[in-house]
Protein backbone atom coordinates (compact mmCIF):
# COMPACT_ATOMS: atom_id res chain seq x y z
CA UNK A 1 9.47 -38.87 62.73
CA UNK A 2 9.78 -39.14 58.89
CA UNK A 3 13.12 -39.71 57.29
CA UNK A 4 14.56 -37.60 54.46
CA UNK A 5 13.83 -40.34 51.91
CA UNK A 6 10.16 -40.39 52.86
CA UNK A 7 9.86 -36.62 52.51
CA UNK A 8 11.54 -36.67 49.09
CA UNK A 9 9.27 -39.51 47.92
CA UNK A 10 6.12 -37.63 49.01
CA UNK A 11 7.25 -34.47 47.21
CA UNK A 12 7.92 -36.44 44.04
CA UNK A 13 4.50 -38.09 44.18
CA UNK A 14 2.82 -34.69 44.65
CA UNK A 15 4.56 -33.25 41.61
CA UNK A 16 3.64 -36.31 39.55
CA UNK A 17 -0.02 -35.78 40.40
CA UNK A 18 -0.10 -32.29 38.87
CA UNK A 19 -1.99 -32.10 35.52
CA UNK A 20 -0.02 -31.68 32.31
CA UNK A 21 3.23 -33.13 33.70
CA UNK A 22 5.34 -35.40 31.52
CA UNK A 23 7.67 -38.01 33.00
CA UNK A 24 11.41 -37.55 32.74
CA UNK A 25 13.23 -39.87 30.41
CA UNK A 26 14.25 -43.10 32.19
CA UNK A 27 12.72 -42.22 35.57
CA UNK A 28 8.95 -42.29 35.10
CA UNK A 29 8.82 -39.08 37.10
CA UNK A 30 7.23 -35.82 35.89
CA UNK A 31 9.14 -32.63 36.54
CA UNK A 32 8.21 -30.22 33.71
CA UNK A 33 4.96 -29.33 31.92
CA UNK A 34 4.54 -30.03 28.23
CA UNK A 35 4.80 -26.78 26.32
CA UNK A 36 4.32 -26.57 22.53
CA UNK A 37 7.00 -24.75 20.60
CA UNK A 38 5.50 -21.54 19.12
CA UNK A 39 6.48 -21.07 15.48
CA UNK A 40 8.91 -18.21 14.97
CA UNK A 41 7.56 -15.32 12.89
CA UNK A 42 9.63 -12.99 10.73
CA UNK A 43 9.29 -9.23 10.83
CA UNK A 44 7.29 -9.23 7.58
CA UNK A 45 4.90 -11.85 8.96
CA UNK A 46 4.34 -9.73 12.05
CA UNK A 47 3.83 -6.68 9.83
CA UNK A 48 1.21 -8.46 7.73
CA UNK A 49 -0.55 -9.71 10.84
CA UNK A 50 -0.78 -6.23 12.36
CA UNK A 51 -1.73 -4.58 9.07
CA UNK A 52 -4.57 -7.01 8.28
CA UNK A 53 -6.02 -6.30 11.72
CA UNK A 54 -6.33 -2.61 10.80
CA UNK A 55 -9.74 -2.68 9.13
CA UNK A 56 -9.79 0.99 8.17
CA UNK A 57 -6.41 0.70 6.44
CA UNK A 58 -7.62 -2.34 4.49
CA UNK A 59 -10.74 -0.49 3.36
CA UNK A 60 -8.61 2.48 2.34
CA UNK A 61 -6.23 0.24 0.41
CA UNK A 62 -9.16 -1.30 -1.43
CA UNK A 63 -10.60 2.13 -2.22
CA UNK A 64 -7.26 3.36 -3.59
CA UNK A 65 -6.80 0.25 -5.71
CA UNK A 66 -10.31 0.69 -7.10
CA UNK A 67 -9.64 4.36 -7.93
CA UNK A 68 -6.34 3.57 -9.62
CA UNK A 69 -7.89 0.73 -11.64
CA UNK A 70 -10.78 2.94 -12.76
CA UNK A 71 -8.34 5.65 -13.77
CA UNK A 72 -5.95 3.25 -15.54
CA UNK A 73 -8.69 1.63 -17.60
CA UNK A 74 -10.74 4.77 -18.17
CA UNK A 75 -10.37 4.65 -22.00
CA UNK A 76 -11.88 1.15 -22.00
CA UNK A 77 -14.64 1.42 -19.37
CA UNK A 78 -15.70 5.08 -19.57
CA UNK A 79 -19.35 5.26 -20.68
CA UNK A 80 -18.77 8.18 -23.09
CA UNK A 81 -15.84 9.80 -24.95
CA UNK A 82 -13.93 12.45 -23.05
CA UNK A 83 -14.36 15.13 -25.72
CA UNK A 84 -17.11 13.97 -28.09
CA UNK A 85 -17.34 15.47 -31.55
CA UNK A 86 -19.71 17.09 -32.17
CA UNK A 87 -20.48 18.30 -28.66
CA UNK A 88 -23.91 17.11 -27.40
CA UNK A 89 -25.08 20.61 -26.47
CA UNK A 90 -28.69 19.41 -26.26
CA UNK A 91 -27.73 17.42 -23.15
CA UNK A 92 -25.92 20.29 -21.42
CA UNK A 93 -26.47 20.90 -17.69
CA UNK A 94 -28.53 17.77 -17.14
CA UNK A 95 -28.49 16.55 -13.56
CA UNK A 96 -27.61 13.01 -12.44
CA UNK A 97 -29.71 10.37 -14.19
CA UNK A 98 -29.59 6.75 -15.32
CA UNK A 99 -27.81 7.76 -18.53
CA UNK A 100 -25.41 10.21 -16.84
CA UNK A 101 -24.81 9.13 -13.25
CA UNK A 102 -22.93 12.32 -12.32
CA UNK A 103 -24.77 14.60 -14.74
CA UNK A 104 -23.38 16.62 -17.63
CA UNK A 105 -21.50 19.92 -17.81
CA UNK A 106 -22.29 23.09 -19.73
CA UNK A 107 -21.09 21.47 -22.99
CA UNK A 108 -23.05 18.23 -22.55
CA UNK A 109 -19.99 16.13 -21.60
CA UNK A 110 -20.52 13.26 -19.18
CA UNK A 111 -19.16 14.11 -15.73
CA UNK A 112 -18.44 10.50 -14.74
CA UNK A 113 -16.23 10.10 -17.81
CA UNK A 114 -14.41 13.34 -17.08
CA UNK A 115 -13.82 12.34 -13.45
CA UNK A 116 -12.35 9.00 -14.53
CA UNK A 117 -9.96 10.75 -16.92
CA UNK A 118 -9.22 13.45 -14.34
CA UNK A 119 -8.29 10.75 -11.84
CA UNK A 120 -5.63 9.51 -14.25
CA UNK A 121 -3.80 12.85 -14.02
CA UNK A 122 -4.31 13.52 -10.29
CA UNK A 123 -3.46 10.00 -9.13
CA UNK A 124 -0.48 9.81 -11.51
CA UNK A 125 0.87 13.08 -10.14
CA UNK A 126 0.48 11.89 -6.55
CA UNK A 127 2.11 8.51 -7.19
CA UNK A 128 5.08 9.77 -9.22
CA UNK A 129 5.76 12.68 -6.89
CA UNK A 130 5.76 10.28 -3.93
CA UNK A 131 8.15 7.85 -5.65
CA UNK A 132 10.59 10.45 -6.97
CA UNK A 133 10.63 12.59 -3.83
CA UNK A 134 11.18 9.50 -1.68
CA UNK A 135 14.11 8.37 -3.83
CA UNK A 136 15.74 11.81 -3.63
CA UNK A 137 14.99 12.23 0.07
CA UNK A 138 16.26 8.76 1.03
CA UNK A 139 19.45 9.26 -0.97
CA UNK A 140 20.21 12.66 0.51
CA UNK A 141 19.23 11.65 4.05
CA UNK A 142 21.20 8.40 3.94
CA UNK A 143 24.42 10.05 2.71
CA UNK A 144 24.05 12.92 5.16
CA UNK A 145 23.31 10.78 8.20
CA UNK A 146 25.82 8.02 7.50
CA UNK A 147 28.90 10.05 6.58
CA UNK A 148 28.27 13.16 8.68
CA UNK A 149 30.88 15.90 8.78
CA UNK A 150 31.15 18.20 5.79
CA UNK A 151 28.89 15.92 3.71
CA UNK A 152 26.13 16.37 6.27
CA UNK A 153 26.63 20.13 6.42
CA UNK A 154 26.48 20.62 2.65
CA UNK A 155 23.46 18.37 2.07
CA UNK A 156 21.49 19.80 4.99
CA UNK A 157 22.15 23.39 3.92
CA UNK A 158 20.84 22.49 0.45
CA UNK A 159 17.81 20.92 2.11
CA UNK A 160 17.21 24.07 4.17
CA UNK A 161 17.45 26.14 0.99
CA UNK A 162 14.68 24.12 -0.63
CA UNK A 163 12.57 24.36 2.52
CA UNK A 164 12.34 28.14 2.32
CA UNK A 165 11.53 28.25 -1.41
CA UNK A 166 7.93 29.44 -2.02
CA UNK A 167 6.54 26.55 -3.99
CA UNK A 168 3.41 28.28 -5.23
CA UNK A 169 5.42 31.16 -6.69
CA UNK A 170 7.83 28.80 -8.46
CA UNK A 171 4.99 26.77 -9.93
CA UNK A 172 3.23 29.92 -11.13
CA UNK A 173 6.42 31.20 -12.76
CA UNK A 174 7.12 27.84 -14.40
CA UNK A 175 3.57 27.61 -15.70
CA UNK A 176 3.85 31.14 -17.09
CA UNK A 177 7.03 30.15 -18.89
CA UNK A 178 5.29 27.07 -20.25
CA UNK A 179 2.33 29.01 -21.57
CA UNK A 180 4.52 31.68 -23.19
CA UNK A 181 7.25 29.21 -24.21
CA UNK A 182 9.75 31.79 -23.02
CA UNK A 183 12.13 29.16 -21.67
CA UNK A 184 13.34 26.59 -24.24
CA UNK A 185 13.55 23.69 -21.75
CA UNK A 186 10.29 24.48 -19.97
CA UNK A 187 8.46 25.06 -23.22
CA UNK A 188 9.08 21.47 -24.30
CA UNK A 189 7.47 20.00 -21.17
CA UNK A 190 3.79 19.21 -20.74
CA UNK A 191 1.95 20.75 -17.82
CA UNK A 192 1.72 17.34 -16.11
CA UNK A 193 5.47 16.67 -16.35
CA UNK A 194 6.19 20.18 -15.15
CA UNK A 195 3.92 19.81 -12.12
CA UNK A 196 5.46 16.42 -11.24
CA UNK A 197 9.01 17.75 -11.52
CA UNK A 198 8.50 20.89 -9.47
CA UNK A 199 6.34 19.30 -6.75
CA UNK A 200 8.93 16.53 -6.41
CA UNK A 201 11.63 19.10 -5.62
CA UNK A 202 9.30 20.69 -3.07
CA UNK A 203 8.48 17.50 -1.13
CA UNK A 204 11.73 15.55 -0.74
CA UNK A 205 13.07 17.59 2.18
CA UNK A 206 10.82 16.03 4.85
CA UNK A 207 11.81 12.48 3.87
CA UNK A 208 15.48 13.51 3.79
CA UNK A 209 15.38 14.89 7.32
CA UNK A 210 13.56 11.83 8.68
CA UNK A 211 16.04 9.44 7.05
CA UNK A 212 19.01 11.51 8.22
CA UNK A 213 17.86 11.36 11.84
CA UNK A 214 17.37 7.60 11.68
CA UNK A 215 20.77 7.07 10.08
CA UNK A 216 22.47 9.16 12.77
CA UNK A 217 21.00 6.80 15.36
CA UNK A 218 21.45 3.47 13.59
CA UNK A 219 25.02 4.00 12.35
CA UNK A 220 26.23 3.63 15.96
CA UNK A 221 24.52 0.26 16.52
CA UNK A 222 26.51 -2.89 17.21
CA UNK A 223 25.45 -4.71 14.06
CA UNK A 224 26.74 -1.81 11.95
CA UNK A 225 30.08 -1.92 13.77
CA UNK A 226 30.19 -5.69 13.21
CA UNK A 227 29.49 -5.30 9.49
CA UNK A 228 32.15 -2.61 9.22
CA UNK A 229 34.65 -4.79 11.10
CA UNK A 230 33.93 -7.72 8.77
CA UNK A 231 35.00 -5.60 5.80
CA UNK A 232 31.60 -4.57 4.42
CA UNK A 233 31.67 -1.51 2.20
CA UNK A 234 29.76 1.67 3.02
CA UNK A 235 27.34 0.99 0.18
CA UNK A 236 26.56 -2.49 1.50
CA UNK A 237 26.10 -1.23 5.06
CA UNK A 238 23.69 1.48 3.90
CA UNK A 239 21.63 -0.71 1.56
CA UNK A 240 21.72 -4.11 3.28
CA UNK A 241 21.96 -3.25 6.98
CA UNK A 242 20.47 0.16 7.74
CA UNK A 243 17.81 0.85 5.09
CA UNK A 244 15.81 -2.36 5.83
CA UNK A 245 15.48 -1.20 9.44
CA UNK A 246 13.89 2.13 8.51
CA UNK A 247 11.55 0.93 5.77
CA UNK A 248 8.58 1.63 8.07
CA UNK A 249 9.01 5.40 8.44
CA UNK A 250 9.92 5.68 4.75
CA UNK A 251 6.74 3.86 3.67
CA UNK A 252 4.56 6.00 5.93
CA UNK A 253 6.08 9.24 4.63
CA UNK A 254 5.68 8.04 1.04
CA UNK A 255 1.95 7.44 1.47
CA UNK A 256 1.48 10.85 3.06
CA UNK A 257 3.32 12.54 0.18
CA UNK A 258 0.78 11.00 -2.22
CA UNK A 259 -2.03 12.84 -0.47
CA UNK A 260 -0.09 16.10 -0.20
CA UNK A 261 0.83 16.02 -3.89
CA UNK A 262 -2.76 15.37 -5.00
CA UNK A 263 -4.05 18.23 -2.87
CA UNK A 264 -1.33 20.61 -4.09
CA UNK A 265 -1.92 19.71 -7.74
CA UNK A 266 -5.67 20.20 -7.30
CA UNK A 267 -5.09 23.53 -5.57
CA UNK A 268 -2.79 24.77 -8.33
CA UNK A 269 -5.19 23.59 -11.03
CA UNK A 270 -8.05 25.29 -9.21
CA UNK A 271 -6.05 28.54 -9.19
CA UNK A 272 -5.21 28.14 -12.89
CA UNK A 273 -1.50 27.34 -12.45
CA UNK A 274 -1.72 23.55 -12.73
CA UNK A 275 -2.86 21.15 -15.42
CA UNK A 276 -3.84 23.02 -18.56
CA UNK A 277 -6.56 22.11 -21.10
CA UNK A 278 -7.13 19.93 -23.04
CA UNK A 279 -5.87 17.78 -20.15
CA UNK A 280 -8.25 17.47 -17.23
CA UNK A 281 -7.65 16.87 -13.52
CA UNK A 282 -9.81 17.03 -10.43
CA UNK A 283 -8.54 20.54 -9.70
CA UNK A 284 -9.27 21.63 -13.25
CA UNK A 285 -12.84 20.36 -12.95
CA UNK A 286 -13.28 22.26 -9.69
CA UNK A 287 -11.91 25.40 -11.33
CA UNK A 288 -14.24 25.10 -14.31
CA UNK A 289 -17.24 24.50 -12.00
CA UNK A 290 -16.53 27.42 -9.69
CA UNK A 291 -19.53 29.39 -10.97
CA UNK A 292 -21.88 26.45 -10.30
CA UNK A 293 -21.85 26.94 -6.52
CA UNK A 294 -25.33 27.80 -5.28
CA UNK A 295 -27.00 26.94 -8.60
CA UNK A 296 -28.86 23.82 -9.79
CA UNK A 297 -25.58 22.77 -11.45
CA UNK A 298 -23.79 22.50 -8.09
CA UNK A 299 -23.34 18.78 -8.72
CA UNK A 300 -20.52 19.78 -11.10
CA UNK A 301 -18.40 20.65 -8.08
CA UNK A 302 -19.78 18.10 -5.61
CA UNK A 303 -18.68 14.93 -7.38
CA UNK A 304 -15.06 15.94 -8.20
CA UNK A 305 -14.70 17.29 -4.68
CA UNK A 306 -16.07 14.05 -3.21
CA UNK A 307 -13.63 11.94 -5.24
CA UNK A 308 -10.76 14.17 -4.12
CA UNK A 309 -11.89 13.89 -0.49
CA UNK A 310 -12.17 10.09 -0.64
CA UNK A 311 -8.73 9.80 -2.25
CA UNK A 312 -6.95 11.95 0.33
CA UNK A 313 -8.73 10.30 3.28
CA UNK A 314 -7.89 6.83 1.96
CA UNK A 315 -4.22 7.78 1.57
CA UNK A 316 -4.05 9.15 5.11
CA UNK A 317 -5.83 6.15 6.64
CA UNK A 318 -3.49 3.84 4.74
CA UNK A 319 -0.54 5.76 6.17
CA UNK A 320 -1.97 5.33 9.68
CA UNK A 321 -2.32 1.59 9.09
CA UNK A 322 1.25 1.27 7.85
CA UNK A 323 2.54 3.24 10.82
CA UNK A 324 0.73 0.96 13.28
CA UNK A 325 1.81 -2.17 11.40
CA UNK A 326 5.49 -1.20 11.41
CA UNK A 327 5.35 -0.21 15.10
CA UNK A 328 6.00 -3.30 17.28
CA UNK A 329 4.52 -1.51 20.30
CA UNK A 330 1.20 -0.88 18.52
CA UNK A 331 -1.88 -2.44 20.13
CA UNK A 332 -3.80 -2.66 16.83
C-alpha cells in the first residue's frame, strides 16, 4: 500500500510532465502554464480596430473625402469655367465625349464643371447643418437630461414645438421674403446661408432627444456620483464625464443629418425654394434638367442624380460603420 508521500510525489511528477508548464521559483516544480500578458487597449483603439474592419464604411469614407476634395478644389481643377463668357452655344446639348465627360447643357456649359461647383454648395450645406444642429441638440439635450425638473420641461416643450413646425412651408416663406426683400434681416442673407440656418433649426430636435435620454440614464451612474462627491462642478461632470461616454450615438446622428440635409436642400432646390441662381447645387441642376427626361438630353439629369445618390449612400454607410464601431457588442 502506497504512503501519502508517494502519492503526492507521483502527482507532482505528472503535473511536471504536462507541456507548457514552468517551474515554480526555488522548487523546480511546474504548477502553472506560461501565459503572455495581452496588451491593454483603450476604447479609441478598439473603435479604430472595429471601424477598419468595416470595409463598406471605409469605402464610403474614401468616397466622401474624394467628393469633398473635388468640391473644395473645383476652381483649380475644373476643366472649364462655370459660366463662360461668351456662352459656347455651338456646343449646346452635346452628349458625353472625351472633351465633355458628362456632356453639355442647353447653353453649352460643361456638366462636369457644374457638378463640381454644385457639390460645393450641397456638401457645404450638409456639413454645416450637421455641425450646427448637433451643437444645438447636444446643448439642449445635455441641459435637459442632466438638470431635469423645470429645465427639462421647458426645453422639451420648445423641442416639441419645433418638431411640429412644417419645415417646407417655413423655407418657402423665407425664400419668398428673400426674393422680394420684404424682410430686412432675411433680405441681407444669401440663399445658401438661409437654407443652412433654417434646416439647422429643423434638424436639431432628434439629436436633443437622443442626448437627453442618454443623460437621464448616465447621470445616475456611480462615477457621476463619485465626481459630484469629489466637488466637481456641473459643467465639468457634463463635459468631462458624461459626454465622452455618448460620443458614439452623437457621431452616428451627425453623419445621418448630413445625408438628410443634402436630400432636403436638393428637394427644395428642385421645387424652386432652395439655392437660387447664379449659385448652383445638385437640386438646382435637377430642377433645370426636368424637361430633359425622356429626351436625348436625359444625361443632364442622370449625372447630378447619380452624384446625389452616391453621396447619400456613402453618408449612410459611414453612419452604419460608426454605429458598429462604437458598439462593443458588434460582431463586425
